Amino acid sequence: MSYGTGDHTNELVSVYAAGAGTELLEQYEDLWYPGSRIIDNTHLFHAMVAFLGLERQ
């Protein structure tokens, strides 16, 4: 596996969701970036865990 860079970037990436459970993403909008619909990538994990009904440890 290779990556385009050895460093991290602060570039925004579009993520699209459709179907059951997409409303779970709405609770994370505006948390870290007030006044926007931007969701931090770590919040995607939390939304997936909630959708699956798993407990975070």
Protein backbone atom coordinates (compact mmCIF):
# COMPACT_ATOMS: atom_id res chain seq x y z
CA MET A 1 0.00 0.00 0.00
CA SER A 2 1.22 3.49 -0.71
CA TYR A 3 -0.03 6.97 0.01
CA GLY A 4 0.25 10.18 -1.95
CA THR A 5 2.05 11.86 0.93
CA GLY A 6 3.86 10.92 4.11
CA ASP A 7 2.18 13.78 5.94
CA HIS A 8 -1.34 14.62 6.99
CA THR A 9 -3.41 17.21 5.24
CA ASN A 10 -6.23 19.42 6.40
CA GLU A 11 -8.02 19.07 3.07
CA LEU A 12 -11.77 18.48 3.28
CA VAL A 13 -13.09 15.29 1.70
CA SER A 14 -16.68 14.83 0.56
CA VAL A 15 -18.58 11.90 2.01
CA TYR A 16 -22.06 11.02 0.84
CA ALA A 17 -24.57 8.88 2.70
CA ALA A 18 -28.02 7.66 1.73
CA GLY A 19 -30.53 5.31 3.31
CA ALA A 20 -31.26 4.07 6.81
CA GLY A 21 -29.27 5.68 9.60
CA THR A 22 -28.13 8.77 7.74
CA GLU A 23 -29.99 10.89 10.29
CA LEU A 24 -27.36 9.79 12.82
CA LEU A 25 -24.84 11.97 11.01
CA GLU A 26 -26.89 15.13 11.59
CA GLN A 27 -26.13 15.14 15.32
CA TYR A 28 -22.43 15.61 14.52
CA GLU A 29 -22.86 18.50 12.09
CA ASP A 30 -21.67 21.83 13.49
CA LEU A 31 -19.90 20.31 16.54
CA TRP A 32 -16.28 21.07 15.74
CA TYR A 33 -16.90 23.55 12.93
CA PRO A 34 -19.66 25.92 14.08
CA GLY A 35 -21.95 27.29 11.40
CA SER A 36 -21.21 24.47 8.95
CA ARG A 37 -22.40 21.00 8.04
CA ILE A 38 -18.83 19.70 8.32
CA ILE A 39 -18.41 16.48 10.29
CA ASP A 40 -15.01 15.48 11.66
CA ASN A 41 -13.79 12.13 10.36
CA THR A 42 -13.74 10.68 13.89
CA HIS A 43 -17.47 11.39 14.17
CA LEU A 44 -18.14 9.10 11.20
CA PHE A 45 -16.89 6.23 13.35
CA HIS A 46 -19.24 7.17 16.19
CA ALA A 47 -22.21 7.37 13.82
CA MET A 48 -21.42 3.90 12.41
CA VAL A 49 -21.13 2.41 15.91
CA ALA A 50 -24.49 3.94 16.86
CA PHE A 51 -26.13 2.61 13.68
CA LEU A 52 -24.87 -0.90 14.42
CA GLY A 53 -26.12 -0.68 18.01
CA LEU A 54 -22.68 -1.36 19.45
CA GLU A 55 -21.29 0.09 22.65
CA ARG A 56 -18.15 2.18 22.56
CA GLN A 57 -15.58 1.12 25.11
